[in-house]
Amino acid sequence: MCDRADAHIHLFENGFQGSFAARPGVRIDEASLYASLGADYHVKQALVVGYEGDGWAKGNNAYIAAMAQRHAWVRPVAYVRLDAPPDLADLNRLHREGFIGVSMYVFTDDDIHRLHMINNDAWEWIVGHRWLVSLNARGRALAAWKPILDRYPELRLLVSHLGLPPRVAQEPSARAARTALAELIELARFRETRVKLSGFYAISEPGYAYPHRAAWPYVEALSAAFGPKRLLWGSDLTPSLDSVSFAQTIGLFAAMPFFSDQDRRAIEGGNLLGLLSEV
């Protein structure tokens, strides 16, 4: 079995409060859980996406920095507030704390405006240190990255959850899939921009409909635009476990006839391991 690397997981001290981890009677140590699953499925590294956008998640950056000290497989990216973006002192502090990138959530017009207010010194530092930028966004918020990427085409942007296209119960036509992903596909011209094949439960209806055939045209459209070498598997643990098993977050690629064995090895780990070796 090939070595794997997971491009999108979360670790919270008290579990992700938007999933089964918040149900009465459930207590979960997400780091220990992932260490066990990772050992079973040969996951050597995991990009841990910081999030502090809700009150219950406050302090998540400090927590995942501590987890990175305890677990060699933890590769954390720090959540940044767009209304208080990091300056050079902040970035150097995060670097000393073991972070290898930043996590951004960009959805509203205010988010887009604040994104464009981040100064050039910060972008130059991120590019110069070959840091990763994990992005949750869709539609117009993806298009908003074009002027930034025009200035910094070497910026290593990792777009989560296939760019969050519309949720579908039936397979859209190839044309409809491309239209739904138009803003993301436009970013394919930037060679360091990549897409995480994660969160299928959020874009197919119902979310537990493994192997998510309704979403396959989205995957085909992204593969055609970016190529398999710029696609990354992400389990989205623990939110995904409300709908599918950990094994199914990986296994759906073997069901997709348009990927070769070589493609799957790259998507499931090779592509991200290469990135992480260069940070």
C-alpha atoms as a PDB file:
ATOM      1  CA  MET A   1       0.000   0.000   0.000  1.00  0.00           C
ATOM      2  CA  CYS A   2       1.304   3.462  -0.921  1.00  0.00           C
ATOM      3  CA  ASP A   3       1.989   6.167   1.640  1.00  0.00           C
ATOM      4  CA  ARG A   4      -0.860   8.626   1.972  1.00  0.00           C
ATOM      5  CA  ALA A   5      -1.206  12.242   3.045  1.00  0.00           C
ATOM      6  CA  ASP A   6      -4.463  13.921   4.039  1.00  0.00           C
ATOM      7  CA  ALA A   7      -4.979  17.492   2.842  1.00  0.00           C
ATOM      8  CA  HIS A   8      -7.875  18.441   5.106  1.00  0.00           C
ATOM      9  CA  ILE A   9      -8.596  17.443   8.685  1.00  0.00           C
ATOM     10  CA  HIS A  10      -9.648  19.312  11.812  1.00  0.00           C
ATOM     11  CA  LEU A  11      -8.519  18.765  15.374  1.00  0.00           C
ATOM     12  CA  PHE A  12     -10.417  20.415  18.223  1.00  0.00           C
ATOM     13  CA  GLU A  13      -9.746  19.994  21.907  1.00  0.00           C
ATOM     14  CA  ASN A  14     -13.359  19.049  22.598  1.00  0.00           C
ATOM     15  CA  GLY A  15     -14.240  17.673  19.175  1.00  0.00           C
ATOM     16  CA  PHE A  16     -15.842  19.386  16.190  1.00  0.00           C
ATOM     17  CA  GLN A  17     -19.058  20.875  17.542  1.00  0.00           C
ATOM     18  CA  GLY A  18     -20.904  20.758  14.220  1.00  0.00           C
ATOM     19  CA  SER A  19     -20.934  16.953  14.028  1.00  0.00           C
ATOM     20  CA  PHE A  20     -21.605  13.816  16.049  1.00  0.00           C
ATOM     21  CA  ALA A  21     -18.819  14.860  18.414  1.00  0.00           C
ATOM     22  CA  ALA A  22     -21.296  17.371  19.889  1.00  0.00           C
ATOM     23  CA  ARG A  23     -24.018  14.781  20.578  1.00  0.00           C
ATOM     24  CA  PRO A  24     -24.898  13.924  24.168  1.00  0.00           C
ATOM     25  CA  GLY A  25     -22.791  11.085  25.499  1.00  0.00           C
ATOM     26  CA  VAL A  26     -19.976  11.507  22.966  1.00  0.00           C
ATOM     27  CA  ARG A  27     -16.479  12.473  24.002  1.00  0.00           C
ATOM     28  CA  ILE A  28     -13.724  12.157  21.470  1.00  0.00           C
ATOM     29  CA  ASP A  29      -9.982  12.696  21.352  1.00  0.00           C
ATOM     30  CA  GLU A  30      -9.685  13.566  17.684  1.00  0.00           C
ATOM     31  CA  ALA A  31      -5.887  13.447  17.604  1.00  0.00           C
ATOM     32  CA  SER A  32      -5.757   9.940  19.080  1.00  0.00           C
ATOM     33  CA  LEU A  33      -8.564   8.830  16.777  1.00  0.00           C
ATOM     34  CA  TYR A  34      -6.732  10.142  13.728  1.00  0.00           C
ATOM     35  CA  ALA A  35      -3.426   8.612  14.803  1.00  0.00           C
ATOM     36  CA  SER A  36      -5.128   5.225  14.917  1.00  0.00           C
ATOM     37  CA  LEU A  37      -6.890   5.633  11.575  1.00  0.00           C
ATOM     38  CA  GLY A  38      -3.762   7.028   9.969  1.00  0.00           C
ATOM     39  CA  ALA A  39      -1.733   4.022  11.060  1.00  0.00           C
ATOM     40  CA  ASP A  40      -4.326   1.652   9.581  1.00  0.00           C
ATOM     41  CA  TYR A  41      -4.397   3.463   6.235  1.00  0.00           C
ATOM     42  CA  HIS A  42      -0.709   4.445   5.933  1.00  0.00           C
ATOM     43  CA  VAL A  43      -1.333   8.180   6.292  1.00  0.00           C
ATOM     44  CA  LYS A  44       2.073   9.712   6.946  1.00  0.00           C
ATOM     45  CA  GLN A  45       1.120  13.404   7.119  1.00  0.00           C
ATOM     46  CA  ALA A  46      -2.089  15.383   7.601  1.00  0.00           C
ATOM     47  CA  LEU A  47      -2.716  19.047   6.924  1.00  0.00           C
ATOM     48  CA  VAL A  48      -4.600  20.224  10.015  1.00  0.00           C
ATOM     49  CA  VAL A  49      -6.807  23.169   9.090  1.00  0.00           C
ATOM     50  CA  GLY A  50      -7.156  25.711  11.870  1.00  0.00           C
ATOM     51  CA  TYR A  51     -10.549  27.255  12.528  1.00  0.00           C
ATOM     52  CA  GLU A  52     -11.630  29.807  15.110  1.00  0.00           C
ATOM     53  CA  GLY A  53     -14.678  31.267  13.366  1.00  0.00           C
ATOM     54  CA  ASP A  54     -17.122  30.233  16.114  1.00  0.00           C
ATOM     55  CA  GLY A  55     -16.956  30.785  19.833  1.00  0.00           C
ATOM     56  CA  TRP A  56     -16.600  27.094  20.634  1.00  0.00           C
ATOM     57  CA  ALA A  57     -13.481  26.951  18.412  1.00  0.00           C
ATOM     58  CA  LYS A  58     -11.615  29.775  20.142  1.00  0.00           C
ATOM     59  CA  GLY A  59      -8.020  28.817  20.827  1.00  0.00           C
ATOM     60  CA  ASN A  60      -7.835  26.221  18.061  1.00  0.00           C
ATOM     61  CA  ASN A  61      -4.557  27.594  16.708  1.00  0.00           C
ATOM     62  CA  ALA A  62      -2.836  27.087  20.053  1.00  0.00           C
ATOM     63  CA  TYR A  63      -4.302  23.605  20.339  1.00  0.00           C
ATOM     64  CA  ILE A  64      -3.147  22.373  16.935  1.00  0.00           C
ATOM     65  CA  ALA A  65       0.285  23.923  17.489  1.00  0.00           C
ATOM     66  CA  ALA A  66       0.515  21.813  20.651  1.00  0.00           C
ATOM     67  CA  MET A  67      -0.632  18.731  18.728  1.00  0.00           C
ATOM     68  CA  ALA A  68       2.134  19.337  16.176  1.00  0.00           C
ATOM     69  CA  GLN A  69       4.653  19.130  19.008  1.00  0.00           C
ATOM     70  CA  ARG A  70       3.210  15.782  20.117  1.00  0.00           C
ATOM     71  CA  HIS A  71       2.516  14.125  16.745  1.00  0.00           C
ATOM     72  CA  ALA A  72       4.958  14.128  13.837  1.00  0.00           C
ATOM     73  CA  TRP A  73       2.127  13.608  11.340  1.00  0.00           C
ATOM     74  CA  VAL A  74       0.395  16.886  12.286  1.00  0.00           C
ATOM     75  CA  ARG A  75       1.182  19.686   9.800  1.00  0.00           C
ATOM     76  CA  PRO A  76      -0.867  22.690  10.965  1.00  0.00           C
ATOM     77  CA  VAL A  77      -2.076  25.756   9.097  1.00  0.00           C
ATOM     78  CA  ALA A  78      -3.186  28.644  11.298  1.00  0.00           C
ATOM     79  CA  TYR A  79      -6.632  30.209  11.102  1.00  0.00           C
ATOM     80  CA  VAL A  80      -6.406  33.911  10.276  1.00  0.00           C
ATOM     81  CA  ARG A  81      -9.152  36.441  10.794  1.00  0.00           C
ATOM     82  CA  LEU A  82      -9.654  38.566   7.721  1.00  0.00           C
ATOM     83  CA  ASP A  83     -10.609  41.555   9.885  1.00  0.00           C
ATOM     84  CA  ALA A  84      -7.227  41.229  11.617  1.00  0.00           C
ATOM     85  CA  PRO A  85      -4.877  39.742   9.003  1.00  0.00           C
ATOM     86  CA  PRO A  86      -1.367  38.737  10.056  1.00  0.00           C
ATOM     87  CA  ASP A  87       1.529  41.130   9.715  1.00  0.00           C
ATOM     88  CA  LEU A  88       5.162  40.056   9.434  1.00  0.00           C
ATOM     89  CA  ALA A  89       5.551  39.777  13.205  1.00  0.00           C
ATOM     90  CA  ASP A  90       2.493  37.494  13.349  1.00  0.00           C
ATOM     91  CA  LEU A  91       3.766  35.312  10.517  1.00  0.00           C
ATOM     92  CA  ASN A  92       7.179  34.924  12.098  1.00  0.00           C
ATOM     93  CA  ARG A  93       5.539  33.995  15.412  1.00  0.00           C
ATOM     94  CA  LEU A  94       3.348  31.389  13.711  1.00  0.00           C
ATOM     95  CA  HIS A  95       6.420  30.033  11.957  1.00  0.00           C
ATOM     96  CA  ARG A  96       8.221  29.628  15.286  1.00  0.00           C
ATOM     97  CA  GLU A  97       5.158  27.832  16.668  1.00  0.00           C
ATOM     98  CA  GLY A  98       5.423  25.200  13.933  1.00  0.00           C
ATOM     99  CA  PHE A  99       2.777  26.319  11.448  1.00  0.00           C
ATOM    100  CA  ILE A 100       3.401  25.723   7.759  1.00  0.00           C
ATOM    101  CA  GLY A 101       0.686  27.944   6.341  1.00  0.00           C
ATOM    102  CA  VAL A 102      -2.564  29.752   6.957  1.00  0.00           C
ATOM    103  CA  SER A 103      -6.224  28.841   6.763  1.00  0.00           C
ATOM    104  CA  MET A 104      -8.714  31.320   5.296  1.00  0.00           C
ATOM    105  CA  TYR A 105     -12.502  31.275   5.032  1.00  0.00           C
ATOM    106  CA  VAL A 106     -13.719  33.747   2.404  1.00  0.00           C
ATOM    107  CA  PHE A 107     -17.435  33.927   1.585  1.00  0.00           C
ATOM    108  CA  THR A 108     -18.989  37.384   2.006  1.00  0.00           C
ATOM    109  CA  ASP A 109     -18.401  40.706   0.290  1.00  0.00           C
ATOM    110  CA  ASP A 110     -16.796  41.940   3.501  1.00  0.00           C
ATOM    111  CA  ASP A 111     -14.472  38.929   3.458  1.00  0.00           C
ATOM    112  CA  ILE A 112     -13.454  39.712  -0.115  1.00  0.00           C
ATOM    113  CA  HIS A 113     -12.793  43.358   0.694  1.00  0.00           C
ATOM    114  CA  ARG A 114     -10.664  42.405   3.699  1.00  0.00           C
ATOM    115  CA  LEU A 115      -8.780  39.810   1.659  1.00  0.00           C
ATOM    116  CA  HIS A 116      -7.762  42.512  -0.795  1.00  0.00           C
ATOM    117  CA  MET A 117      -6.524  44.691   2.086  1.00  0.00           C
ATOM    118  CA  ILE A 118      -3.825  42.183   3.097  1.00  0.00           C
ATOM    119  CA  ASN A 119      -0.548  43.934   2.394  1.00  0.00           C
ATOM    120  CA  ASN A 120       2.053  42.824  -0.095  1.00  0.00           C
ATOM    121  CA  ASP A 121       4.680  42.205   2.582  1.00  0.00           C
ATOM    122  CA  ALA A 122       2.530  39.413   4.037  1.00  0.00           C
ATOM    123  CA  TRP A 123       1.967  37.745   0.660  1.00  0.00           C
ATOM    124  CA  GLU A 124       5.670  38.007  -0.184  1.00  0.00           C
ATOM    125  CA  TRP A 125       6.577  36.386   3.157  1.00  0.00           C
ATOM    126  CA  ILE A 126       4.107  33.526   2.573  1.00  0.00           C
ATOM    127  CA  VAL A 127       5.384  32.925  -0.952  1.00  0.00           C
ATOM    128  CA  GLY A 128       9.023  33.210   0.105  1.00  0.00           C
ATOM    129  CA  HIS A 129       8.579  30.586   2.839  1.00  0.00           C
ATOM    130  CA  ARG A 130       6.643  28.330   0.451  1.00  0.00           C
ATOM    131  CA  TRP A 131       3.771  28.246   2.914  1.00  0.00           C
ATOM    132  CA  LEU A 132       0.432  26.714   2.067  1.00  0.00           C
ATOM    133  CA  VAL A 133      -2.823  28.659   2.041  1.00  0.00           C
ATOM    134  CA  SER A 134      -5.839  26.454   2.754  1.00  0.00           C
ATOM    135  CA  LEU A 135      -8.959  28.161   1.417  1.00  0.00           C
ATOM    136  CA  ASN A 136     -12.653  27.575   2.017  1.00  0.00           C
ATOM    137  CA  ALA A 137     -14.576  29.617  -0.547  1.00  0.00           C
ATOM    138  CA  ARG A 138     -16.974  29.366  -3.460  1.00  0.00           C
ATOM    139  CA  GLY A 139     -18.032  31.303  -6.534  1.00  0.00           C
ATOM    140  CA  ARG A 140     -17.219  35.019  -6.448  1.00  0.00           C
ATOM    141  CA  ALA A 141     -14.929  34.532  -3.477  1.00  0.00           C
ATOM    142  CA  LEU A 142     -12.764  32.253  -5.623  1.00  0.00           C
ATOM    143  CA  ALA A 143     -12.699  34.758  -8.468  1.00  0.00           C
ATOM    144  CA  ALA A 144     -11.489  37.347  -5.942  1.00  0.00           C
ATOM    145  CA  TRP A 145      -8.137  35.541  -5.780  1.00  0.00           C
ATOM    146  CA  LYS A 146      -7.245  36.275  -9.403  1.00  0.00           C
ATOM    147  CA  PRO A 147      -5.631  39.686  -8.793  1.00  0.00           C
ATOM    148  CA  ILE A 148      -3.653  38.246  -5.872  1.00  0.00           C
ATOM    149  CA  LEU A 149      -2.472  35.284  -7.917  1.00  0.00           C
ATOM    150  CA  ASP A 150      -1.640  37.557 -10.835  1.00  0.00           C
ATOM    151  CA  ARG A 151       0.811  39.334  -8.514  1.00  0.00           C
ATOM    152  CA  TYR A 152       1.966  36.158  -6.776  1.00  0.00           C
ATOM    153  CA  PRO A 153       1.554  33.193  -9.148  1.00  0.00           C
ATOM    154  CA  GLU A 154       3.866  31.112  -6.921  1.00  0.00           C
ATOM    155  CA  LEU A 155       1.373  31.327  -4.041  1.00  0.00           C
ATOM    156  CA  ARG A 156       0.486  27.771  -2.980  1.00  0.00           C
ATOM    157  CA  LEU A 157      -3.290  27.990  -2.769  1.00  0.00           C
ATOM    158  CA  LEU A 158      -5.187  24.829  -1.788  1.00  0.00           C
ATOM    159  CA  VAL A 159      -8.925  25.122  -2.438  1.00  0.00           C
ATOM    160  CA  SER A 160     -11.007  22.933  -0.140  1.00  0.00           C
ATOM    161  CA  HIS A 161     -14.031  20.757  -0.951  1.00  0.00           C
ATOM    162  CA  LEU A 162     -13.874  21.096  -4.761  1.00  0.00           C
ATOM    163  CA  GLY A 163     -14.634  24.793  -4.372  1.00  0.00           C
ATOM    164  CA  LEU A 164     -18.035  23.973  -2.820  1.00  0.00           C
ATOM    165  CA  PRO A 165     -20.121  23.703  -6.008  1.00  0.00           C
ATOM    166  CA  PRO A 166     -23.914  23.293  -5.717  1.00  0.00           C
ATOM    167  CA  ARG A 167     -25.095  20.143  -3.989  1.00  0.00           C
ATOM    168  CA  VAL A 168     -26.478  17.620  -6.466  1.00  0.00           C
ATOM    169  CA  ALA A 169     -28.626  14.483  -6.236  1.00  0.00           C
ATOM    170  CA  GLN A 170     -28.192  13.554  -9.915  1.00  0.00           C
ATOM    171  CA  GLU A 171     -25.100  13.807 -12.065  1.00  0.00           C
ATOM    172  CA  PRO A 172     -24.989  17.166 -13.850  1.00  0.00           C
ATOM    173  CA  SER A 173     -23.948  17.240 -17.474  1.00  0.00           C
ATOM    174  CA  ALA A 174     -20.274  17.882 -18.160  1.00  0.00           C
ATOM    175  CA  ARG A 175     -21.189  21.366 -19.330  1.00  0.00           C
ATOM    176  CA  ALA A 176     -23.239  22.107 -16.218  1.00  0.00           C
ATOM    177  CA  ALA A 177     -20.390  20.879 -14.022  1.00  0.00           C
ATOM    178  CA  ARG A 178     -17.902  23.156 -15.741  1.00  0.00           C
ATOM    179  CA  THR A 179     -20.289  26.100 -15.422  1.00  0.00           C
ATOM    180  CA  ALA A 180     -20.756  25.449 -11.695  1.00  0.00           C
ATOM    181  CA  LEU A 181     -16.980  25.382 -11.247  1.00  0.00           C
ATOM    182  CA  ALA A 182     -16.174  28.205 -13.648  1.00  0.00           C
ATOM    183  CA  GLU A 183     -14.532  30.522 -11.095  1.00  0.00           C
ATOM    184  CA  LEU A 184     -12.345  27.729  -9.749  1.00  0.00           C
ATOM    185  CA  ILE A 185     -11.426  26.416 -13.196  1.00  0.00           C
ATOM    186  CA  GLU A 186     -10.212  29.909 -14.111  1.00  0.00           C
ATOM    187  CA  LEU A 187      -7.607  29.572 -11.352  1.00  0.00           C
ATOM    188  CA  ALA A 188      -6.116  26.480 -13.022  1.00  0.00           C
ATOM    189  CA  ARG A 189      -3.804  28.738 -15.030  1.00  0.00           C
ATOM    190  CA  PHE A 190      -1.897  29.420 -11.816  1.00  0.00           C
ATOM    191  CA  ARG A 191       0.346  26.389 -11.580  1.00  0.00           C
ATOM    192  CA  GLU A 192       0.686  26.402  -7.778  1.00  0.00           C
ATOM    193  CA  THR A 193      -3.074  26.411  -7.178  1.00  0.00           C
ATOM    194  CA  ARG A 194      -4.463  23.009  -6.212  1.00  0.00           C
ATOM    195  CA  VAL A 195      -7.837  21.516  -5.317  1.00  0.00           C
ATOM    196  CA  LYS A 196      -8.725  19.296  -2.377  1.00  0.00           C
ATOM    197  CA  LEU A 197     -11.054  16.428  -3.245  1.00  0.00           C
ATOM    198  CA  SER A 198     -12.734  16.571   0.143  1.00  0.00           C
ATOM    199  CA  GLY A 199     -16.157  17.083   1.667  1.00  0.00           C
ATOM    200  CA  PHE A 200     -18.115  15.017  -0.859  1.00  0.00           C
ATOM    201  CA  TYR A 201     -20.871  14.630   1.736  1.00  0.00           C
ATOM    202  CA  ALA A 202     -21.466  18.399   1.405  1.00  0.00           C
ATOM    203  CA  ILE A 203     -21.864  18.476  -2.382  1.00  0.00           C
ATOM    204  CA  SER A 204     -23.852  15.288  -3.048  1.00  0.00           C
ATOM    205  CA  GLU A 205     -27.391  14.528  -1.903  1.00  0.00           C
ATOM    206  CA  PRO A 206     -27.790  12.633   0.317  1.00  0.00           C
ATOM    207  CA  GLY A 207     -24.412  13.095   1.954  1.00  0.00           C
ATOM    208  CA  TYR A 208     -24.116   9.411   2.819  1.00  0.00           C
ATOM    209  CA  ALA A 209     -24.616   8.316  -0.810  1.00  0.00           C
ATOM    210  CA  TYR A 210     -21.155   6.752  -1.188  1.00  0.00           C
ATOM    211  CA  PRO A 211     -19.383   6.761  -3.629  1.00  0.00           C
ATOM    212  CA  HIS A 212     -21.041  10.119  -4.392  1.00  0.00           C
ATOM    213  CA  ARG A 213     -21.594   9.453  -8.092  1.00  0.00           C
ATOM    214  CA  ALA A 214     -23.634  12.617  -8.454  1.00  0.00           C
ATOM    215  CA  ALA A 215     -20.472  14.637  -7.811  1.00  0.00           C
ATOM    216  CA  TRP A 216     -18.242  12.748 -10.243  1.00  0.00           C
ATOM    217  CA  PRO A 217     -18.742  15.225 -13.124  1.00  0.00           C
ATOM    218  CA  TYR A 218     -17.286  17.886 -10.839  1.00  0.00           C
ATOM    219  CA  VAL A 219     -14.215  15.730 -10.278  1.00  0.00           C
ATOM    220  CA  GLU A 220     -13.828  15.063 -14.001  1.00  0.00           C
ATOM    221  CA  ALA A 221     -14.056  18.784 -14.777  1.00  0.00           C
ATOM    222  CA  LEU A 222     -11.404  19.611 -12.179  1.00  0.00           C
ATOM    223  CA  SER A 223      -9.135  16.811 -13.333  1.00  0.00           C
ATOM    224  CA  ALA A 224      -9.359  18.087 -16.900  1.00  0.00           C
ATOM    225  CA  ALA A 225      -8.528  21.641 -15.790  1.00  0.00           C
ATOM    226  CA  PHE A 226      -5.872  21.041 -13.127  1.00  0.00           C
ATOM    227  CA  GLY A 227      -4.618  17.546 -13.956  1.00  0.00           C
ATOM    228  CA  PRO A 228      -4.372  14.717 -11.395  1.00  0.00           C
ATOM    229  CA  LYS A 229      -1.036  16.060 -10.132  1.00  0.00           C
ATOM    230  CA  ARG A 230      -2.787  19.077  -8.614  1.00  0.00           C
ATOM    231  CA  LEU A 231      -5.597  17.207  -6.878  1.00  0.00           C
ATOM    232  CA  LEU A 232      -5.353  16.252  -3.192  1.00  0.00           C
ATOM    233  CA  TRP A 233      -7.371  13.807  -1.115  1.00  0.00           C
ATOM    234  CA  GLY A 234      -8.838  15.221   2.079  1.00  0.00           C
ATOM    235  CA  SER A 235     -10.817  13.163   4.593  1.00  0.00           C
ATOM    236  CA  ASP A 236     -12.388  16.187   6.331  1.00  0.00           C
ATOM    237  CA  LEU A 237     -12.289  14.324   9.626  1.00  0.00           C
ATOM    238  CA  THR A 238     -14.310  14.530  11.866  1.00  0.00           C
ATOM    239  CA  PRO A 239     -17.267  16.264  10.111  1.00  0.00           C
ATOM    240  CA  SER A 240     -17.222  13.643   7.356  1.00  0.00           C
ATOM    241  CA  LEU A 241     -17.803  10.831   9.852  1.00  0.00           C
ATOM    242  CA  ASP A 242     -21.430  11.914  10.228  1.00  0.00           C
ATOM    243  CA  SER A 243     -22.000  10.627   6.692  1.00  0.00           C
ATOM    244  CA  VAL A 244     -19.262   8.184   5.645  1.00  0.00           C
ATOM    245  CA  SER A 245     -16.456   6.106   7.099  1.00  0.00           C
ATOM    246  CA  PHE A 246     -12.843   7.220   7.006  1.00  0.00           C
ATOM    247  CA  ALA A 247     -12.083   4.401   4.538  1.00  0.00           C
ATOM    248  CA  GLN A 248     -14.802   5.670   2.205  1.00  0.00           C
ATOM    249  CA  THR A 249     -13.206   9.120   1.991  1.00  0.00           C
ATOM    250  CA  ILE A 250     -10.301   7.343   0.283  1.00  0.00           C
ATOM    251  CA  GLY A 251     -12.105   4.454  -1.391  1.00  0.00           C
ATOM    252  CA  LEU A 252     -14.281   6.538  -3.678  1.00  0.00           C
ATOM    253  CA  PHE A 253     -11.297   7.250  -5.946  1.00  0.00           C
ATOM    254  CA  ALA A 254     -10.916   3.542  -6.763  1.00  0.00           C
ATOM    255  CA  ALA A 255     -14.539   3.613  -7.937  1.00  0.00           C
ATOM    256  CA  MET A 256     -13.874   6.463 -10.383  1.00  0.00           C
ATOM    257  CA  PRO A 257     -13.005   4.883 -13.758  1.00  0.00           C
ATOM    258  CA  PHE A 258     -11.388   8.054 -15.098  1.00  0.00           C
ATOM    259  CA  PHE A 259      -8.476   7.805 -12.640  1.00  0.00           C
ATOM    260  CA  SER A 260      -5.615   5.367 -13.204  1.00  0.00           C
ATOM    261  CA  ASP A 261      -3.800   3.623 -10.367  1.00  0.00           C
ATOM    262  CA  GLN A 262      -0.977   6.125 -10.806  1.00  0.00           C
ATOM    263  CA  ASP A 263      -3.441   9.013 -10.565  1.00  0.00           C
ATOM    264  CA  ARG A 264      -4.902   7.609  -7.364  1.00  0.00           C
ATOM    265  CA  ARG A 265      -1.515   7.177  -5.741  1.00  0.00           C
ATOM    266  CA  ALA A 266      -0.723  10.810  -6.514  1.00  0.00           C
ATOM    267  CA  ILE A 267      -4.089  12.119  -5.287  1.00  0.00           C
ATOM    268  CA  GLU A 268      -4.130  10.018  -2.121  1.00  0.00           C
ATOM    269  CA  GLY A 269      -0.690  11.064  -0.990  1.00  0.00           C
ATOM    270  CA  GLY A 270       2.092  11.635  -3.470  1.00  0.00           C
ATOM    271  CA  ASN A 271       1.033  15.130  -4.467  1.00  0.00           C
ATOM    272  CA  LEU A 272       0.714  16.453  -0.920  1.00  0.00           C
ATOM    273  CA  LEU A 273       3.833  14.705   0.367  1.00  0.00           C
ATOM    274  CA  GLY A 274       5.772  16.469  -2.353  1.00  0.00           C
ATOM    275  CA  LEU A 275       4.341  19.831  -1.324  1.00  0.00           C
ATOM    276  CA  LEU A 276       5.017  19.291   2.349  1.00  0.00           C
ATOM    277  CA  SER A 277       8.622  18.331   1.694  1.00  0.00           C
ATOM    278  CA  GLU A 278       9.214  21.787   0.216  1.00  0.00           C
ATOM    279  CA  VAL A 279       7.612  23.994   2.879  1.00  0.00           C
END
